[in-house]
Amino acid sequence: MANESGITAYSVKTKTKNVPIIDPVIDIKSGRYIASGKDSAGNKLSAIMSKASAEAHIEKGNAKKGTGWS
């Protein structure tokens, strides 16, 4: 779920795939890595990803750590 500019998600509101998340924050909830943020129109987006993908996005600077990280 990544493109050249960062993390993408499915927008339930607009029914659009691969919508870029602006300023994503990755939280760990119940062992799942969840990126959340907003799209360019201000709609909330979330994407579930693997630990490796989450760590790679944080390392590249595409996302920030949220709650649940030790």
PDB file of N, CA and C in Angstrom:
ATOM      1  N   MET A   1       0.819  -1.186   0.000  1.00  0.00           N
ATOM      2  CA  MET A   1       0.000   0.000   0.000  1.00  0.00           C
ATOM      3  C   MET A   1       0.866   1.255   0.000  1.00  0.00           C
ATOM      4  N   ALA A   2       1.921   1.253  -0.732  1.00  0.00           N
ATOM      5  CA  ALA A   2       2.768   2.422  -0.770  1.00  0.00           C
ATOM      6  C   ALA A   2       3.007   2.840  -2.215  1.00  0.00           C
ATOM      7  N   ASN A   3       3.141   4.114  -2.417  1.00  0.00           N
ATOM      8  CA  ASN A   3       3.547   4.622  -3.716  1.00  0.00           C
ATOM      9  C   ASN A   3       4.783   5.468  -3.515  1.00  0.00           C
ATOM     10  N   GLU A   4       5.193   6.223  -4.545  1.00  0.00           N
ATOM     11  CA  GLU A   4       6.435   6.961  -4.442  1.00  0.00           C
ATOM     12  C   GLU A   4       6.382   8.082  -3.406  1.00  0.00           C
ATOM     13  N   SER A   5       5.191   8.567  -3.072  1.00  0.00           N
ATOM     14  CA  SER A   5       5.103   9.688  -2.137  1.00  0.00           C
ATOM     15  C   SER A   5       4.726   9.268  -0.726  1.00  0.00           C
ATOM     16  N   GLY A   6       4.395   8.015  -0.492  1.00  0.00           N
ATOM     17  CA  GLY A   6       4.069   7.605   0.864  1.00  0.00           C
ATOM     18  C   GLY A   6       3.018   6.526   0.935  1.00  0.00           C
ATOM     19  N   ILE A   7       2.152   6.639   1.924  1.00  0.00           N
ATOM     20  CA  ILE A   7       1.157   5.620   2.218  1.00  0.00           C
ATOM     21  C   ILE A   7      -0.158   5.975   1.536  1.00  0.00           C
ATOM     22  N   THR A   8      -0.818   4.957   0.978  1.00  0.00           N
ATOM     23  CA  THR A   8      -2.120   5.161   0.351  1.00  0.00           C
ATOM     24  C   THR A   8      -3.154   4.279   1.037  1.00  0.00           C
ATOM     25  N   ALA A   9      -4.427   4.631   0.856  1.00  0.00           N
ATOM     26  CA  ALA A   9      -5.518   3.889   1.479  1.00  0.00           C
ATOM     27  C   ALA A   9      -6.741   3.949   0.575  1.00  0.00           C
ATOM     28  N   TYR A  10      -7.746   3.153   0.907  1.00  0.00           N
ATOM     29  CA  TYR A  10      -9.026   3.183   0.217  1.00  0.00           C
ATOM     30  C   TYR A  10      -9.934   4.178   0.926  1.00  0.00           C
ATOM     31  N   SER A  11     -10.530   5.093   0.176  1.00  0.00           N
ATOM     32  CA  SER A  11     -11.446   6.073   0.747  1.00  0.00           C
ATOM     33  C   SER A  11     -12.866   5.522   0.683  1.00  0.00           C
ATOM     34  N   VAL A  12     -13.443   5.243   1.833  1.00  0.00           N
ATOM     35  CA  VAL A  12     -14.803   4.708   1.898  1.00  0.00           C
ATOM     36  C   VAL A  12     -15.797   5.772   1.433  1.00  0.00           C
ATOM     37  N   LYS A  13     -15.536   7.010   1.768  1.00  0.00           N
ATOM     38  CA  LYS A  13     -16.457   8.097   1.428  1.00  0.00           C
ATOM     39  C   LYS A  13     -16.552   8.324  -0.076  1.00  0.00           C
ATOM     40  N   THR A  14     -15.410   8.360  -0.744  1.00  0.00           N
ATOM     41  CA  THR A  14     -15.409   8.616  -2.188  1.00  0.00           C
ATOM     42  C   THR A  14     -15.313   7.345  -3.021  1.00  0.00           C
ATOM     43  N   LYS A  15     -15.156   6.187  -2.357  1.00  0.00           N
ATOM     44  CA  LYS A  15     -15.011   4.884  -3.017  1.00  0.00           C
ATOM     45  C   LYS A  15     -13.871   4.885  -4.044  1.00  0.00           C
ATOM     46  N   THR A  16     -12.729   5.445  -3.606  1.00  0.00           N
ATOM     47  CA  THR A  16     -11.555   5.559  -4.457  1.00  0.00           C
ATOM     48  C   THR A  16     -10.398   4.772  -3.849  1.00  0.00           C
ATOM     49  N   LYS A  17      -9.670   4.033  -4.696  1.00  0.00           N
ATOM     50  CA  LYS A  17      -8.507   3.277  -4.231  1.00  0.00           C
ATOM     51  C   LYS A  17      -7.241   4.107  -4.356  1.00  0.00           C
ATOM     52  N   ASN A  18      -6.234   3.748  -3.571  1.00  0.00           N
ATOM     53  CA  ASN A  18      -4.896   4.346  -3.614  1.00  0.00           C
ATOM     54  C   ASN A  18      -4.892   5.855  -3.434  1.00  0.00           C
ATOM     55  N   VAL A  19      -5.661   6.341  -2.455  1.00  0.00           N
ATOM     56  CA  VAL A  19      -5.683   7.766  -2.122  1.00  0.00           C
ATOM     57  C   VAL A  19      -4.509   8.042  -1.182  1.00  0.00           C
ATOM     58  N   PRO A  20      -3.638   9.007  -1.509  1.00  0.00           N
ATOM     59  CA  PRO A  20      -2.497   9.305  -0.628  1.00  0.00           C
ATOM     60  C   PRO A  20      -2.952   9.869   0.716  1.00  0.00           C
ATOM     61  N   ILE A  21      -2.332   9.380   1.793  1.00  0.00           N
ATOM     62  CA  ILE A  21      -2.611   9.894   3.128  1.00  0.00           C
ATOM     63  C   ILE A  21      -1.634  11.037   3.392  1.00  0.00           C
ATOM     64  N   ILE A  22      -2.165  12.200   3.774  1.00  0.00           N
ATOM     65  CA  ILE A  22      -1.337  13.366   4.064  1.00  0.00           C
ATOM     66  C   ILE A  22      -0.954  13.339   5.539  1.00  0.00           C
ATOM     67  N   ASP A  23       0.340  13.466   5.822  1.00  0.00           N
ATOM     68  CA  ASP A  23       0.896  13.437   7.188  1.00  0.00           C
ATOM     69  C   ASP A  23       0.405  12.239   7.998  1.00  0.00           C
ATOM     70  N   PRO A  24       0.681  11.012   7.530  1.00  0.00           N
ATOM     71  CA  PRO A  24       0.205   9.832   8.270  1.00  0.00           C
ATOM     72  C   PRO A  24       0.928   9.615   9.594  1.00  0.00           C
ATOM     73  N   VAL A  25       0.179   9.065  10.541  1.00  0.00           N
ATOM     74  CA  VAL A  25       0.714   8.679  11.844  1.00  0.00           C
ATOM     75  C   VAL A  25       0.420   7.192  12.000  1.00  0.00           C
ATOM     76  N   ILE A  26       1.435   6.399  12.347  1.00  0.00           N
ATOM     77  CA  ILE A  26       1.263   4.953  12.487  1.00  0.00           C
ATOM     78  C   ILE A  26       1.166   4.602  13.963  1.00  0.00           C
ATOM     79  N   ASP A  27       0.014   4.055  14.343  1.00  0.00           N
ATOM     80  CA  ASP A  27      -0.229   3.598  15.708  1.00  0.00           C
ATOM     81  C   ASP A  27      -0.212   2.077  15.733  1.00  0.00           C
ATOM     82  N   ILE A  28       0.069   1.523  16.912  1.00  0.00           N
ATOM     83  CA  ILE A  28      -0.031   0.076  17.106  1.00  0.00           C
ATOM     84  C   ILE A  28      -1.219  -0.165  18.029  1.00  0.00           C
ATOM     85  N   LYS A  29      -2.227  -0.858  17.504  1.00  0.00           N
ATOM     86  CA  LYS A  29      -3.424  -1.179  18.282  1.00  0.00           C
ATOM     87  C   LYS A  29      -3.698  -2.666  18.133  1.00  0.00           C
ATOM     88  N   SER A  30      -3.731  -3.368  19.242  1.00  0.00           N
ATOM     89  CA  SER A  30      -3.991  -4.811  19.269  1.00  0.00           C
ATOM     90  C   SER A  30      -3.043  -5.574  18.348  1.00  0.00           C
ATOM     91  N   GLY A  31      -1.781  -5.154  18.298  1.00  0.00           N
ATOM     92  CA  GLY A  31      -0.789  -5.842  17.493  1.00  0.00           C
ATOM     93  C   GLY A  31      -0.828  -5.515  16.013  1.00  0.00           C
ATOM     94  N   ARG A  32      -1.703  -4.603  15.601  1.00  0.00           N
ATOM     95  CA  ARG A  32      -1.804  -4.216  14.201  1.00  0.00           C
ATOM     96  C   ARG A  32      -1.196  -2.824  14.022  1.00  0.00           C
ATOM     97  N   TYR A  33      -0.575  -2.616  12.883  1.00  0.00           N
ATOM     98  CA  TYR A  33       0.026  -1.327  12.559  1.00  0.00           C
ATOM     99  C   TYR A  33      -0.961  -0.579  11.674  1.00  0.00           C
ATOM    100  N   ILE A  34      -1.458   0.553  12.171  1.00  0.00           N
ATOM    101  CA  ILE A  34      -2.513   1.284  11.485  1.00  0.00           C
ATOM    102  C   ILE A  34      -2.039   2.700  11.185  1.00  0.00           C
ATOM    103  N   ALA A  35      -1.991   3.033   9.895  1.00  0.00           N
ATOM    104  CA  ALA A  35      -1.648   4.388   9.472  1.00  0.00           C
ATOM    105  C   ALA A  35      -2.938   5.172   9.328  1.00  0.00           C
ATOM    106  N   SER A  36      -2.991   6.350   9.931  1.00  0.00           N
ATOM    107  CA  SER A  36      -4.182   7.173   9.819  1.00  0.00           C
ATOM    108  C   SER A  36      -3.789   8.603   9.497  1.00  0.00           C
ATOM    109  N   GLY A  37      -4.691   9.276   8.823  1.00  0.00           N
ATOM    110  CA  GLY A  37      -4.473  10.665   8.430  1.00  0.00           C
ATOM    111  C   GLY A  37      -5.652  11.136   7.614  1.00  0.00           C
ATOM    112  N   LYS A  38      -5.425  12.144   6.786  1.00  0.00           N
ATOM    113  CA  LYS A  38      -6.496  12.700   5.957  1.00  0.00           C
ATOM    114  C   LYS A  38      -6.040  12.791   4.510  1.00  0.00           C
ATOM    115  N   ASP A  39      -7.029  12.845   3.598  1.00  0.00           N
ATOM    116  CA  ASP A  39      -6.702  13.053   2.196  1.00  0.00           C
ATOM    117  C   ASP A  39      -6.728  14.548   1.894  1.00  0.00           C
ATOM    118  N   SER A  40      -6.540  14.918   0.638  1.00  0.00           N
ATOM    119  CA  SER A  40      -6.474  16.334   0.275  1.00  0.00           C
ATOM    120  C   SER A  40      -7.797  17.058   0.482  1.00  0.00           C
ATOM    121  N   ALA A  41      -8.921  16.325   0.530  1.00  0.00           N
ATOM    122  CA  ALA A  41     -10.237  16.931   0.749  1.00  0.00           C
ATOM    123  C   ALA A  41     -10.608  16.989   2.239  1.00  0.00           C
ATOM    124  N   GLY A  42      -9.743  16.441   3.107  1.00  0.00           N
ATOM    125  CA  GLY A  42     -10.008  16.470   4.541  1.00  0.00           C
ATOM    126  C   GLY A  42     -10.744  15.251   5.070  1.00  0.00           C
ATOM    127  N   ASN A  43     -10.960  14.234   4.236  1.00  0.00           N
ATOM    128  CA  ASN A  43     -11.621  13.005   4.671  1.00  0.00           C
ATOM    129  C   ASN A  43     -10.632  12.132   5.434  1.00  0.00           C
ATOM    130  N   LYS A  44     -11.084  11.493   6.514  1.00  0.00           N
ATOM    131  CA  LYS A  44     -10.226  10.611   7.304  1.00  0.00           C
ATOM    132  C   LYS A  44      -9.946   9.323   6.537  1.00  0.00           C
ATOM    133  N   LEU A  45      -8.694   8.855   6.617  1.00  0.00           N
ATOM    134  CA  LEU A  45      -8.274   7.610   5.979  1.00  0.00           C
ATOM    135  C   LEU A  45      -7.474   6.788   6.979  1.00  0.00           C
ATOM    136  N   SER A  46      -7.565   5.461   6.840  1.00  0.00           N
ATOM    137  CA  SER A  46      -6.761   4.536   7.642  1.00  0.00           C
ATOM    138  C   SER A  46      -6.335   3.371   6.777  1.00  0.00           C
ATOM    139  N   ALA A  47      -5.159   2.838   7.074  1.00  0.00           N
ATOM    140  CA  ALA A  47      -4.654   1.687   6.342  1.00  0.00           C
ATOM    141  C   ALA A  47      -3.926   0.772   7.317  1.00  0.00           C
ATOM    142  N   ILE A  48      -4.221  -0.516   7.247  1.00  0.00           N
ATOM    143  CA  ILE A  48      -3.537  -1.513   8.075  1.00  0.00           C
ATOM    144  C   ILE A  48      -2.361  -2.046   7.268  1.00  0.00           C
ATOM    145  N   MET A  49      -1.203  -2.184   7.921  1.00  0.00           N
ATOM    146  CA  MET A  49      -0.014  -2.656   7.223  1.00  0.00           C
ATOM    147  C   MET A  49       0.805  -3.580   8.108  1.00  0.00           C
ATOM    148  N   SER A  50       1.794  -4.194   7.510  1.00  0.00           N
ATOM    149  CA  SER A  50       2.671  -5.098   8.252  1.00  0.00           C
ATOM    150  C   SER A  50       3.683  -4.294   9.059  1.00  0.00           C
ATOM    151  N   LYS A  51       4.319  -4.967   9.997  1.00  0.00           N
ATOM    152  CA  LYS A  51       5.342  -4.329  10.823  1.00  0.00           C
ATOM    153  C   LYS A  51       6.500  -3.843   9.954  1.00  0.00           C
ATOM    154  N   ALA A  52       6.920  -4.665   9.011  1.00  0.00           N
ATOM    155  CA  ALA A  52       8.043  -4.302   8.140  1.00  0.00           C
ATOM    156  C   ALA A  52       7.714  -3.073   7.304  1.00  0.00           C
ATOM    157  N   SER A  53       6.512  -3.031   6.767  1.00  0.00           N
ATOM    158  CA  SER A  53       6.084  -1.888   5.960  1.00  0.00           C
ATOM    159  C   SER A  53       5.999  -0.625   6.811  1.00  0.00           C
ATOM    160  N   ALA A  54       5.448  -0.743   8.014  1.00  0.00           N
ATOM    161  CA  ALA A  54       5.325   0.405   8.916  1.00  0.00           C
ATOM    162  C   ALA A  54       6.702   0.955   9.275  1.00  0.00           C
ATOM    163  N   GLU A  55       7.628   0.072   9.623  1.00  0.00           N
ATOM    164  CA  GLU A  55       8.972   0.512   9.988  1.00  0.00           C
ATOM    165  C   GLU A  55       9.692   1.141   8.809  1.00  0.00           C
ATOM    166  N   ALA A  56       9.473   0.611   7.603  1.00  0.00           N
ATOM    167  CA  ALA A  56      10.103   1.170   6.408  1.00  0.00           C
ATOM    168  C   ALA A  56       9.590   2.578   6.128  1.00  0.00           C
ATOM    169  N   HIS A  57       8.294   2.797   6.278  1.00  0.00           N
ATOM    170  CA  HIS A  57       7.724   4.130   6.051  1.00  0.00           C
ATOM    171  C   HIS A  57       8.249   5.138   7.069  1.00  0.00           C
ATOM    172  N   ILE A  58       8.396   4.718   8.313  1.00  0.00           N
ATOM    173  CA  ILE A  58       8.913   5.615   9.347  1.00  0.00           C
ATOM    174  C   ILE A  58      10.379   5.936   9.083  1.00  0.00           C
ATOM    175  N   GLU A  59      11.141   4.925   8.676  1.00  0.00           N
ATOM    176  CA  GLU A  59      12.565   5.119   8.396  1.00  0.00           C
ATOM    177  C   GLU A  59      12.776   6.076   7.221  1.00  0.00           C
ATOM    178  N   LYS A  60      11.915   5.976   6.196  1.00  0.00           N
ATOM    179  CA  LYS A  60      12.020   6.847   5.023  1.00  0.00           C
ATOM    180  C   LYS A  60      11.506   8.258   5.303  1.00  0.00           C
ATOM    181  N   GLY A  61      10.796   8.434   6.423  1.00  0.00           N
ATOM    182  CA  GLY A  61      10.248   9.745   6.738  1.00  0.00           C
ATOM    183  C   GLY A  61       8.862   9.978   6.165  1.00  0.00           C
ATOM    184  N   ASN A  62       8.218   8.921   5.651  1.00  0.00           N
ATOM    185  CA  ASN A  62       6.873   9.043   5.084  1.00  0.00           C
ATOM    186  C   ASN A  62       5.803   9.143   6.161  1.00  0.00           C
ATOM    187  N   ALA A  63       6.128   8.731   7.391  1.00  0.00           N
ATOM    188  CA  ALA A  63       5.124   8.709   8.469  1.00  0.00           C
ATOM    189  C   ALA A  63       5.815   8.956   9.810  1.00  0.00           C
ATOM    190  N   LYS A  64       5.005   9.261  10.816  1.00  0.00           N
ATOM    191  CA  LYS A  64       5.498   9.465  12.175  1.00  0.00           C
ATOM    192  C   LYS A  64       4.979   8.358  13.071  1.00  0.00           C
ATOM    193  N   LYS A  65       5.709   8.095  14.149  1.00  0.00           N
ATOM    194  CA  LYS A  65       5.242   7.122  15.139  1.00  0.00           C
ATOM    195  C   LYS A  65       4.139   7.730  15.968  1.00  0.00           C
ATOM    196  N   GLY A  66       3.109   6.916  16.215  1.00  0.00           N
ATOM    197  CA  GLY A  66       2.004   7.349  17.061  1.00  0.00           C
ATOM    198  C   GLY A  66       2.046   6.622  18.377  1.00  0.00           C
ATOM    199  N   THR A  67       0.895   6.228  18.877  1.00  0.00           N
ATOM    200  CA  THR A  67       0.808   5.529  20.157  1.00  0.00           C
ATOM    201  C   THR A  67       1.126   4.046  19.992  1.00  0.00           C
ATOM    202  N   GLY A  68       1.577   3.421  21.060  1.00  0.00           N
ATOM    203  CA  GLY A  68       1.799   1.982  21.084  1.00  0.00           C
ATOM    204  C   GLY A  68       3.215   1.544  20.793  1.00  0.00           C
ATOM    205  N   TRP A  69       4.084   2.446  20.349  1.00  0.00           N
ATOM    206  CA  TRP A  69       5.471   2.078  20.052  1.00  0.00           C
ATOM    207  C   TRP A  69       6.262   2.036  21.350  1.00  0.00           C
ATOM    208  N   SER A  70       7.163   1.059  21.447  1.00  0.00           N
ATOM    209  CA  SER A  70       7.978   0.968  22.664  1.00  0.00           C
ATOM    210  C   SER A  70       9.356   1.523  22.464  1.00  0.00           C
TER     211      SER A  70
END
